[in-house]
Amino acid sequence: MTDAGNSSAEPVALEIDATVLDEIADRFEDLGYTSPEEFFEHAVVDAVTHPEFDRSDLRAMLTSEVDIQEGRLYTSEQITDEVGTDRPDVSSNPWDWVLTETAKADLDRRDDYAQERIVGQLDEIISDEWRNPTEDLEALADAPHDKLLIGPFRLGCRVDHDRQLLYVLRIRIRGA
């Protein structure tokens, strides 16, 4: 991530539990990094660049990735029926959205007004024929996840461009 010749980069010494360091050393390549140092640098950059996603959010989004792999998903039709909102005409845009089991549990903890607002905005994002749903997302640094802001809510998302599907992985109140 940084260029060793970059004069603004400074070395930092860290003390890390040996067990954790061994685990990182065993897994950094599987996680897509070229070295443990690159892993640490990305972790620090993400923590500073996106402080609104804490460790529990990141763990929940990883759990949601398992939800996706195992097909534990709720379709937009199921959710709008359950929440009781009317769906706009989505035939003009091939995109759709789904909630993972984790995000569904987050949504269920919200009051009726919040549920309607979140579901309505998700439907609006994918129903406009002149709008690409990804335009509303803010990428998280060096991660396959994005952030979507809906009023006071922050949604952790992932996009599958091939299937034109917006996965909602986590729903939290901003600043919480």
N, C-alpha and C. Protein backbone atom coordinates (compact mmCIF):
# COMPACT_ATOMS: atom_id res chain seq x y z
N MET A 1 0.81 -1.19 0.00
CA MET A 1 0.00 0.00 0.00
C MET A 1 0.85 1.24 0.00
N THR A 2 1.90 1.25 0.79
CA THR A 2 2.75 2.42 0.78
C THR A 2 4.01 2.08 0.02
N ASP A 3 4.62 3.09 -0.48
CA ASP A 3 5.87 2.96 -1.19
C ASP A 3 6.99 3.15 -0.18
N ALA A 4 7.91 2.21 -0.09
CA ALA A 4 8.99 2.30 0.88
C ALA A 4 9.79 3.58 0.70
N GLY A 5 9.81 4.12 -0.51
CA GLY A 5 10.51 5.36 -0.77
C GLY A 5 9.69 6.60 -0.45
N ASN A 6 8.47 6.43 0.00
CA ASN A 6 7.59 7.55 0.32
C ASN A 6 8.09 8.21 1.60
N SER A 7 8.47 9.47 1.51
CA SER A 7 9.04 10.16 2.66
C SER A 7 8.01 10.44 3.75
N SER A 8 6.71 10.35 3.44
CA SER A 8 5.71 10.63 4.47
C SER A 8 5.36 9.38 5.29
N ALA A 9 5.83 8.21 4.87
CA ALA A 9 5.57 6.98 5.61
C ALA A 9 6.58 6.86 6.74
N GLU A 10 6.08 6.45 7.91
CA GLU A 10 6.95 6.26 9.06
C GLU A 10 6.75 4.87 9.63
N PRO A 11 7.82 4.21 10.02
CA PRO A 11 7.67 2.88 10.63
C PRO A 11 7.04 3.01 12.02
N VAL A 12 6.26 1.99 12.40
CA VAL A 12 5.59 1.97 13.69
C VAL A 12 5.85 0.62 14.33
N ALA A 13 6.13 0.62 15.61
CA ALA A 13 6.33 -0.63 16.34
C ALA A 13 5.05 -0.96 17.11
N LEU A 14 4.61 -2.23 17.01
CA LEU A 14 3.41 -2.68 17.71
C LEU A 14 3.75 -3.90 18.55
N GLU A 15 3.07 -4.03 19.67
CA GLU A 15 3.15 -5.26 20.45
C GLU A 15 1.83 -5.97 20.28
N ILE A 16 1.90 -7.20 19.73
CA ILE A 16 0.69 -7.97 19.45
C ILE A 16 0.87 -9.35 20.05
N ASP A 17 -0.20 -9.87 20.63
CA ASP A 17 -0.20 -11.21 21.20
C ASP A 17 0.36 -12.19 20.16
N ALA A 18 1.25 -13.04 20.59
CA ALA A 18 1.92 -13.97 19.67
C ALA A 18 0.93 -14.89 18.96
N THR A 19 -0.13 -15.30 19.63
CA THR A 19 -1.13 -16.18 19.00
C THR A 19 -1.82 -15.46 17.85
N VAL A 20 -2.18 -14.21 18.06
CA VAL A 20 -2.84 -13.43 17.00
C VAL A 20 -1.87 -13.21 15.85
N LEU A 21 -0.64 -12.89 16.16
CA LEU A 21 0.37 -12.67 15.13
C LEU A 21 0.60 -13.94 14.31
N ASP A 22 0.64 -15.09 14.98
CA ASP A 22 0.80 -16.36 14.26
C ASP A 22 -0.39 -16.62 13.34
N GLU A 23 -1.59 -16.33 13.83
CA GLU A 23 -2.79 -16.53 13.00
C GLU A 23 -2.75 -15.63 11.76
N ILE A 24 -2.35 -14.38 11.94
CA ILE A 24 -2.24 -13.46 10.79
C ILE A 24 -1.17 -13.97 9.83
N ALA A 25 -0.04 -14.42 10.36
CA ALA A 25 1.04 -14.93 9.51
C ALA A 25 0.57 -16.15 8.71
N ASP A 26 -0.29 -16.97 9.31
CA ASP A 26 -0.80 -18.16 8.62
C ASP A 26 -1.87 -17.82 7.58
N ARG A 27 -2.55 -16.66 7.73
CA ARG A 27 -3.72 -16.39 6.90
C ARG A 27 -3.62 -15.17 5.99
N PHE A 28 -2.59 -14.34 6.09
CA PHE A 28 -2.58 -13.08 5.34
C PHE A 28 -2.72 -13.29 3.84
N GLU A 29 -2.13 -14.34 3.29
CA GLU A 29 -2.25 -14.59 1.86
C GLU A 29 -3.67 -15.00 1.49
N ASP A 30 -4.30 -15.83 2.33
CA ASP A 30 -5.70 -16.23 2.08
C ASP A 30 -6.63 -15.03 2.11
N LEU A 31 -6.26 -14.01 2.86
CA LEU A 31 -7.07 -12.80 2.96
C LEU A 31 -6.79 -11.82 1.83
N GLY A 32 -5.85 -12.16 0.94
CA GLY A 32 -5.57 -11.33 -0.22
C GLY A 32 -4.45 -10.33 -0.03
N TYR A 33 -3.62 -10.51 0.98
CA TYR A 33 -2.51 -9.58 1.24
C TYR A 33 -1.19 -10.24 0.86
N THR A 34 -0.21 -9.42 0.52
CA THR A 34 1.10 -9.93 0.14
C THR A 34 2.03 -10.11 1.33
N SER A 35 1.68 -9.50 2.47
CA SER A 35 2.51 -9.61 3.67
C SER A 35 1.67 -9.27 4.89
N PRO A 36 2.13 -9.68 6.08
CA PRO A 36 1.42 -9.27 7.30
C PRO A 36 1.42 -7.74 7.46
N GLU A 37 2.50 -7.11 7.03
CA GLU A 37 2.58 -5.65 7.12
C GLU A 37 1.48 -4.98 6.30
N GLU A 38 1.22 -5.52 5.09
CA GLU A 38 0.15 -4.97 4.26
C GLU A 38 -1.20 -5.16 4.93
N PHE A 39 -1.39 -6.31 5.57
CA PHE A 39 -2.63 -6.57 6.31
C PHE A 39 -2.82 -5.51 7.39
N PHE A 40 -1.78 -5.27 8.19
CA PHE A 40 -1.88 -4.27 9.27
C PHE A 40 -2.16 -2.88 8.71
N GLU A 41 -1.49 -2.54 7.64
CA GLU A 41 -1.69 -1.21 7.06
C GLU A 41 -3.13 -1.03 6.57
N HIS A 42 -3.68 -2.04 5.90
CA HIS A 42 -5.07 -1.95 5.45
C HIS A 42 -6.03 -1.86 6.63
N ALA A 43 -5.77 -2.64 7.67
CA ALA A 43 -6.64 -2.59 8.85
C ALA A 43 -6.64 -1.20 9.48
N VAL A 44 -5.46 -0.59 9.56
CA VAL A 44 -5.37 0.75 10.15
C VAL A 44 -6.05 1.77 9.25
N VAL A 45 -5.82 1.70 7.95
CA VAL A 45 -6.45 2.64 7.02
C VAL A 45 -7.97 2.52 7.10
N ASP A 46 -8.50 1.29 7.11
CA ASP A 46 -9.95 1.11 7.21
C ASP A 46 -10.48 1.67 8.53
N ALA A 47 -9.77 1.43 9.62
CA ALA A 47 -10.23 1.92 10.92
C ALA A 47 -10.27 3.45 10.96
N VAL A 48 -9.32 4.10 10.31
CA VAL A 48 -9.28 5.56 10.30
C VAL A 48 -10.24 6.13 9.26
N THR A 49 -10.29 5.51 8.09
CA THR A 49 -11.13 6.01 7.00
C THR A 49 -12.60 5.77 7.26
N HIS A 50 -12.94 4.65 7.89
CA HIS A 50 -14.34 4.28 8.13
C HIS A 50 -14.56 3.92 9.60
N PRO A 51 -14.39 4.88 10.49
CA PRO A 51 -14.53 4.56 11.91
C PRO A 51 -15.96 4.20 12.30
N GLU A 52 -16.92 4.49 11.42
CA GLU A 52 -18.31 4.19 11.75
C GLU A 52 -18.60 2.70 11.73
N PHE A 53 -17.73 1.89 11.13
CA PHE A 53 -17.89 0.44 11.16
C PHE A 53 -16.93 -0.11 12.20
N ASP A 54 -17.48 -0.57 13.31
CA ASP A 54 -16.64 -1.11 14.36
C ASP A 54 -16.46 -2.61 14.16
N ARG A 55 -15.74 -3.22 15.08
CA ARG A 55 -15.42 -4.65 14.94
C ARG A 55 -16.69 -5.50 14.86
N SER A 56 -17.70 -5.18 15.67
CA SER A 56 -18.92 -5.99 15.63
C SER A 56 -19.62 -5.86 14.29
N ASP A 57 -19.57 -4.66 13.67
CA ASP A 57 -20.16 -4.49 12.35
C ASP A 57 -19.42 -5.34 11.32
N LEU A 58 -18.10 -5.29 11.38
CA LEU A 58 -17.32 -6.07 10.42
C LEU A 58 -17.54 -7.57 10.61
N ARG A 59 -17.65 -8.01 11.85
CA ARG A 59 -17.93 -9.43 12.11
C ARG A 59 -19.32 -9.79 11.59
N ALA A 60 -20.29 -8.90 11.79
CA ALA A 60 -21.65 -9.16 11.30
C ALA A 60 -21.67 -9.23 9.78
N MET A 61 -20.88 -8.36 9.13
CA MET A 61 -20.84 -8.41 7.66
C MET A 61 -20.18 -9.69 7.19
N LEU A 62 -19.17 -10.17 7.91
CA LEU A 62 -18.57 -11.45 7.54
C LEU A 62 -19.55 -12.59 7.75
N THR A 63 -20.33 -12.53 8.82
CA THR A 63 -21.38 -13.53 9.04
C THR A 63 -22.38 -13.48 7.89
N SER A 64 -22.68 -12.28 7.43
CA SER A 64 -23.59 -12.14 6.30
C SER A 64 -23.04 -12.76 5.03
N GLU A 65 -21.73 -12.73 4.87
CA GLU A 65 -21.13 -13.38 3.70
C GLU A 65 -21.42 -14.89 3.75
N VAL A 66 -21.40 -15.46 4.94
CA VAL A 66 -21.76 -16.88 5.09
C VAL A 66 -23.25 -17.05 4.79
N ASP A 67 -24.08 -16.10 5.25
CA ASP A 67 -25.52 -16.14 4.92
C ASP A 67 -25.71 -16.21 3.40
N ILE A 68 -24.95 -15.42 2.67
CA ILE A 68 -25.06 -15.39 1.20
C ILE A 68 -24.65 -16.74 0.62
N GLN A 69 -23.50 -17.25 1.06
CA GLN A 69 -23.00 -18.53 0.55
C GLN A 69 -23.98 -19.67 0.82
N GLU A 70 -24.65 -19.61 1.96
CA GLU A 70 -25.56 -20.69 2.33
C GLU A 70 -27.01 -20.41 1.95
N GLY A 71 -27.23 -19.30 1.23
CA GLY A 71 -28.57 -18.99 0.73
C GLY A 71 -29.56 -18.53 1.78
N ARG A 72 -29.08 -18.04 2.91
CA ARG A 72 -29.97 -17.53 3.96
C ARG A 72 -30.27 -16.06 3.66
N LEU A 73 -31.18 -15.88 2.71
CA LEU A 73 -31.50 -14.55 2.19
C LEU A 73 -33.00 -14.31 2.21
N TYR A 74 -33.37 -13.06 2.32
CA TYR A 74 -34.77 -12.64 2.24
C TYR A 74 -34.90 -11.72 1.03
N THR A 75 -35.81 -12.06 0.13
CA THR A 75 -35.97 -11.27 -1.09
C THR A 75 -36.66 -9.95 -0.79
N SER A 76 -36.51 -9.02 -1.71
CA SER A 76 -37.17 -7.73 -1.55
C SER A 76 -38.69 -7.90 -1.50
N GLU A 77 -39.22 -8.85 -2.25
CA GLU A 77 -40.67 -9.10 -2.22
C GLU A 77 -41.12 -9.58 -0.84
N GLN A 78 -40.36 -10.52 -0.26
CA GLN A 78 -40.70 -11.02 1.07
C GLN A 78 -40.68 -9.89 2.11
N ILE A 79 -39.66 -9.07 2.03
CA ILE A 79 -39.51 -8.01 3.03
C ILE A 79 -40.58 -6.94 2.87
N THR A 80 -40.85 -6.52 1.63
CA THR A 80 -41.87 -5.48 1.45
C THR A 80 -43.24 -5.99 1.86
N ASP A 81 -43.52 -7.27 1.60
CA ASP A 81 -44.79 -7.85 2.06
C ASP A 81 -44.87 -7.85 3.58
N GLU A 82 -43.78 -8.24 4.22
CA GLU A 82 -43.76 -8.31 5.68
C GLU A 82 -43.88 -6.93 6.31
N VAL A 83 -43.17 -5.95 5.75
CA VAL A 83 -43.20 -4.59 6.30
C VAL A 83 -44.51 -3.89 5.94
N GLY A 84 -45.12 -4.32 4.83
CA GLY A 84 -46.40 -3.74 4.42
C GLY A 84 -46.28 -2.51 3.56
N THR A 85 -45.19 -2.40 2.82
CA THR A 85 -45.03 -1.27 1.91
C THR A 85 -45.41 -1.68 0.50
N ASP A 86 -45.81 -0.70 -0.29
CA ASP A 86 -46.12 -0.95 -1.70
C ASP A 86 -44.84 -0.83 -2.49
N ARG A 87 -44.62 -1.79 -3.35
CA ARG A 87 -43.42 -1.74 -4.19
C ARG A 87 -43.67 -0.86 -5.40
N PRO A 88 -42.68 -0.06 -5.76
CA PRO A 88 -42.80 0.69 -7.01
C PRO A 88 -42.64 -0.25 -8.19
N ASP A 89 -42.92 0.24 -9.37
CA ASP A 89 -42.72 -0.56 -10.57
C ASP A 89 -41.22 -0.72 -10.77
N VAL A 90 -40.73 -1.93 -10.63
CA VAL A 90 -39.30 -2.18 -10.76
C VAL A 90 -38.94 -2.81 -12.10
N SER A 91 -39.90 -2.88 -12.99
CA SER A 91 -39.66 -3.55 -14.27
C SER A 91 -38.70 -2.77 -15.18
N SER A 92 -38.52 -1.47 -14.94
CA SER A 92 -37.66 -0.67 -15.80
C SER A 92 -36.19 -0.76 -15.41
N ASN A 93 -35.90 -1.38 -14.29
CA ASN A 93 -34.51 -1.52 -13.86
C ASN A 93 -34.27 -2.98 -13.45
N PRO A 94 -33.25 -3.63 -13.99
CA PRO A 94 -33.04 -5.05 -13.72
C PRO A 94 -32.44 -5.34 -12.34
N TRP A 95 -32.12 -4.32 -11.58
CA TRP A 95 -31.51 -4.51 -10.26
C TRP A 95 -32.55 -4.94 -9.24
N ASP A 96 -32.07 -5.61 -8.18
CA ASP A 96 -32.92 -5.97 -7.06
C ASP A 96 -32.06 -5.95 -5.80
N TRP A 97 -32.69 -6.10 -4.66
CA TRP A 97 -31.97 -6.15 -3.39
C TRP A 97 -32.48 -7.32 -2.56
N VAL A 98 -31.61 -7.81 -1.68
CA VAL A 98 -31.96 -8.86 -0.72
C VAL A 98 -31.33 -8.52 0.62
N LEU A 99 -31.93 -9.06 1.67
CA LEU A 99 -31.34 -8.93 3.00
C LEU A 99 -30.76 -10.28 3.39
N THR A 100 -29.59 -10.26 4.01
CA THR A 100 -29.07 -11.48 4.60
C THR A 100 -29.83 -11.72 5.90
N GLU A 101 -29.66 -12.90 6.44
CA GLU A 101 -30.30 -13.23 7.73
C GLU A 101 -29.87 -12.25 8.82
N THR A 102 -28.61 -11.84 8.79
CA THR A 102 -28.10 -10.88 9.76
C THR A 102 -28.78 -9.53 9.61
N ALA A 103 -28.90 -9.05 8.37
CA ALA A 103 -29.54 -7.76 8.13
C ALA A 103 -31.04 -7.82 8.45
N LYS A 104 -31.65 -8.97 8.20
CA LYS A 104 -33.07 -9.13 8.52
C LYS A 104 -33.29 -9.00 10.02
N ALA A 105 -32.41 -9.59 10.82
CA ALA A 105 -32.50 -9.46 12.27
C ALA A 105 -32.32 -8.00 12.69
N ASP A 106 -31.40 -7.29 12.01
CA ASP A 106 -31.22 -5.86 12.29
C ASP A 106 -32.49 -5.08 11.98
N LEU A 107 -33.11 -5.38 10.83
CA LEU A 107 -34.33 -4.68 10.42
C LEU A 107 -35.46 -4.95 11.40
N ASP A 108 -35.57 -6.19 11.85
CA ASP A 108 -36.64 -6.57 12.78
C ASP A 108 -36.55 -5.81 14.10
N ARG A 109 -35.36 -5.35 14.46
CA ARG A 109 -35.19 -4.59 15.71
C ARG A 109 -35.61 -3.13 15.57
N ARG A 110 -35.91 -2.69 14.37
CA ARG A 110 -36.31 -1.30 14.13
C ARG A 110 -37.82 -1.16 14.28
N ASP A 111 -38.26 0.08 14.57
CA ASP A 111 -39.70 0.31 14.66
C ASP A 111 -40.30 0.34 13.26
N ASP A 112 -41.64 0.36 13.19
CA ASP A 112 -42.35 0.29 11.90
C ASP A 112 -41.94 1.41 10.96
N TYR A 113 -41.82 2.63 11.49
CA TYR A 113 -41.45 3.77 10.64
C TYR A 113 -40.07 3.57 10.03
N ALA A 114 -39.11 3.12 10.85
CA ALA A 114 -37.75 2.90 10.35
C ALA A 114 -37.73 1.79 9.30
N GLN A 115 -38.47 0.72 9.55
CA GLN A 115 -38.53 -0.38 8.57
C GLN A 115 -39.08 0.12 7.25
N GLU A 116 -40.16 0.89 7.30
CA GLU A 116 -40.76 1.40 6.07
C GLU A 116 -39.79 2.33 5.33
N ARG A 117 -39.08 3.16 6.08
CA ARG A 117 -38.13 4.09 5.46
C ARG A 117 -37.00 3.34 4.77
N ILE A 118 -36.44 2.35 5.44
CA ILE A 118 -35.32 1.59 4.87
C ILE A 118 -35.77 0.82 3.64
N VAL A 119 -36.87 0.09 3.76
CA VAL A 119 -37.37 -0.72 2.64
C VAL A 119 -37.78 0.18 1.48
N GLY A 120 -38.46 1.28 1.78
CA GLY A 120 -38.87 2.22 0.73
C GLY A 120 -37.69 2.79 -0.03
N GLN A 121 -36.63 3.14 0.70
CA GLN A 121 -35.45 3.70 0.04
C GLN A 121 -34.73 2.65 -0.79
N LEU A 122 -34.63 1.43 -0.29
CA LEU A 122 -34.02 0.36 -1.08
C LEU A 122 -34.80 0.14 -2.37
N ASP A 123 -36.14 0.11 -2.27
CA ASP A 123 -36.96 -0.04 -3.47
C ASP A 123 -36.76 1.13 -4.43
N GLU A 124 -36.67 2.34 -3.89
CA GLU A 124 -36.48 3.52 -4.74
C GLU A 124 -35.15 3.45 -5.48
N ILE A 125 -34.13 3.01 -4.78
CA ILE A 125 -32.80 2.92 -5.39
C ILE A 125 -32.78 1.98 -6.58
N ILE A 126 -33.51 0.88 -6.51
CA ILE A 126 -33.45 -0.10 -7.61
C ILE A 126 -34.57 0.07 -8.63
N SER A 127 -35.51 0.97 -8.39
CA SER A 127 -36.65 1.07 -9.31
C SER A 127 -36.50 2.14 -10.38
N ASP A 128 -35.59 3.06 -10.24
CA ASP A 128 -35.44 4.15 -11.20
C ASP A 128 -34.67 3.67 -12.43
N GLU A 129 -35.30 3.73 -13.60
CA GLU A 129 -34.66 3.23 -14.82
C GLU A 129 -33.43 4.04 -15.20
N TRP A 130 -33.31 5.28 -14.72
CA TRP A 130 -32.20 6.16 -15.08
C TRP A 130 -31.11 6.17 -14.02
N ARG A 131 -31.25 5.33 -13.07
CA ARG A 131 -30.34 5.37 -11.92
C ARG A 131 -29.67 4.01 -11.76
N ASN A 132 -28.37 4.05 -11.53
CA ASN A 132 -27.63 2.83 -11.21
C ASN A 132 -27.59 2.74 -9.69
N PRO A 133 -28.08 1.66 -9.10
CA PRO A 133 -28.12 1.55 -7.64
C PRO A 133 -26.77 1.75 -6.96
N THR A 134 -25.69 1.46 -7.67
CA THR A 134 -24.37 1.60 -7.06
C THR A 134 -23.97 3.06 -6.87
N GLU A 135 -24.67 4.00 -7.51
CA GLU A 135 -24.34 5.42 -7.37
C GLU A 135 -24.54 5.92 -5.94
N ASP A 136 -25.40 5.27 -5.18
CA ASP A 136 -25.69 5.69 -3.82
C ASP A 136 -24.75 5.08 -2.79
N LEU A 137 -23.89 4.21 -3.22
CA LEU A 137 -23.01 3.50 -2.29
C LEU A 137 -21.66 4.21 -2.17
N GLU A 138 -21.10 4.11 -0.98
CA GLU A 138 -19.76 4.63 -0.74
C GLU A 138 -18.87 3.44 -0.44
N ALA A 139 -17.83 3.27 -1.24
CA ALA A 139 -16.95 2.11 -1.09
C ALA A 139 -16.15 2.19 0.20
N LEU A 140 -15.97 1.04 0.83
CA LEU A 140 -15.07 0.94 1.97
C LEU A 140 -13.69 0.61 1.42
N ALA A 141 -12.67 1.23 1.94
CA ALA A 141 -11.31 1.08 1.43
C ALA A 141 -10.88 -0.38 1.39
N ASP A 142 -10.46 -0.80 0.21
CA ASP A 142 -9.87 -2.13 0.02
C ASP A 142 -10.71 -3.26 0.59
N ALA A 143 -12.02 -3.14 0.46
CA ALA A 143 -12.93 -4.17 0.94
C ALA A 143 -14.03 -4.38 -0.09
N PRO A 144 -14.63 -5.56 -0.13
CA PRO A 144 -15.70 -5.80 -1.09
C PRO A 144 -17.04 -5.22 -0.63
N HIS A 145 -17.03 -4.50 0.47
CA HIS A 145 -18.26 -3.97 1.03
C HIS A 145 -18.38 -2.47 0.79
N ASP A 146 -19.63 -2.02 0.79
CA ASP A 146 -19.94 -0.61 0.61
C ASP A 146 -20.82 -0.16 1.75
N LYS A 147 -20.97 1.15 1.84
CA LYS A 147 -21.82 1.75 2.86
C LYS A 147 -22.94 2.50 2.14
N LEU A 148 -24.16 2.35 2.62
CA LEU A 148 -25.32 3.07 2.10
C LEU A 148 -25.96 3.79 3.28
N LEU A 149 -26.14 5.10 3.14
CA LEU A 149 -26.76 5.89 4.19
C LEU A 149 -28.22 6.15 3.83
N ILE A 150 -29.11 5.83 4.76
CA ILE A 150 -30.54 6.09 4.61
C ILE A 150 -30.98 6.79 5.89
N GLY A 151 -31.15 8.10 5.80
CA GLY A 151 -31.52 8.87 6.98
C GLY A 151 -30.51 8.61 8.08
N PRO A 152 -30.99 8.23 9.28
CA PRO A 152 -30.06 7.98 10.39
C PRO A 152 -29.45 6.58 10.37
N PHE A 153 -29.67 5.83 9.30
CA PHE A 153 -29.21 4.45 9.24
C PHE A 153 -28.03 4.29 8.31
N ARG A 154 -27.16 3.35 8.66
CA ARG A 154 -25.99 3.00 7.89
C ARG A 154 -26.13 1.52 7.54
N LEU A 155 -26.14 1.22 6.26
CA LEU A 155 -26.27 -0.16 5.81
C LEU A 155 -24.95 -0.63 5.22
N GLY A 156 -24.47 -1.77 5.69
CA GLY A 156 -23.31 -2.41 5.08
C GLY A 156 -23.83 -3.24 3.92
N CYS A 157 -23.26 -3.04 2.74
CA CYS A 157 -23.77 -3.69 1.53
C CYS A 157 -22.65 -4.30 0.71
N ARG A 158 -23.05 -5.16 -0.19
CA ARG A 158 -22.15 -5.70 -1.20
C ARG A 158 -22.94 -5.80 -2.49
N VAL A 159 -22.28 -5.54 -3.59
CA VAL A 159 -22.94 -5.54 -4.90
C VAL A 159 -22.44 -6.72 -5.73
N ASP A 160 -23.38 -7.41 -6.36
CA ASP A 160 -23.04 -8.42 -7.35
C ASP A 160 -23.45 -7.83 -8.70
N HIS A 161 -22.46 -7.29 -9.41
CA HIS A 161 -22.75 -6.63 -10.68
C HIS A 161 -23.29 -7.60 -11.73
N ASP A 162 -22.78 -8.82 -11.74
CA ASP A 162 -23.22 -9.81 -12.74
C ASP A 162 -24.70 -10.15 -12.56
N ARG A 163 -25.13 -10.33 -11.32
CA ARG A 163 -26.53 -10.67 -11.05
C ARG A 163 -27.39 -9.43 -10.85
N GLN A 164 -26.76 -8.24 -10.84
CA GLN A 164 -27.43 -6.97 -10.60
C GLN A 164 -28.25 -7.04 -9.31
N LEU A 165 -27.52 -7.37 -8.24
CA LEU A 165 -28.14 -7.61 -6.95
C LEU A 165 -27.38 -6.85 -5.88
N LEU A 166 -28.14 -6.14 -5.04
CA LEU A 166 -27.58 -5.43 -3.90
C LEU A 166 -27.86 -6.26 -2.65
N TYR A 167 -26.79 -6.77 -2.04
CA TYR A 167 -26.92 -7.52 -0.79
C TYR A 167 -26.82 -6.53 0.37
N VAL A 168 -27.79 -6.54 1.25
CA VAL A 168 -27.72 -5.74 2.47
C VAL A 168 -27.24 -6.68 3.57
N LEU A 169 -26.06 -6.36 4.13
CA LEU A 169 -25.41 -7.24 5.09
C LEU A 169 -25.64 -6.83 6.53
N ARG A 170 -25.87 -5.55 6.76
CA ARG A 170 -25.97 -5.03 8.13
C ARG A 170 -26.75 -3.73 8.11
N ILE A 171 -27.58 -3.49 9.12
CA ILE A 171 -28.34 -2.24 9.25
C ILE A 171 -28.11 -1.71 10.65
N ARG A 172 -27.50 -0.55 10.75
CA ARG A 172 -27.22 0.05 12.05
C ARG A 172 -27.63 1.52 12.05
N ILE A 173 -27.78 2.05 13.23
CA ILE A 173 -27.99 3.50 13.37
C ILE A 173 -26.62 4.16 13.32
N ARG A 174 -26.53 5.25 12.55
CA ARG A 174 -25.25 5.95 12.45
C ARG A 174 -24.83 6.46 13.82
N GLY A 175 -23.55 6.35 14.08
CA GLY A 175 -23.00 6.83 15.34
C GLY A 175 -23.20 5.89 16.51
N ALA A 176 -23.90 4.78 16.28
CA ALA A 176 -24.12 3.82 17.37
C ALA A 176 -23.10 2.72 17.32
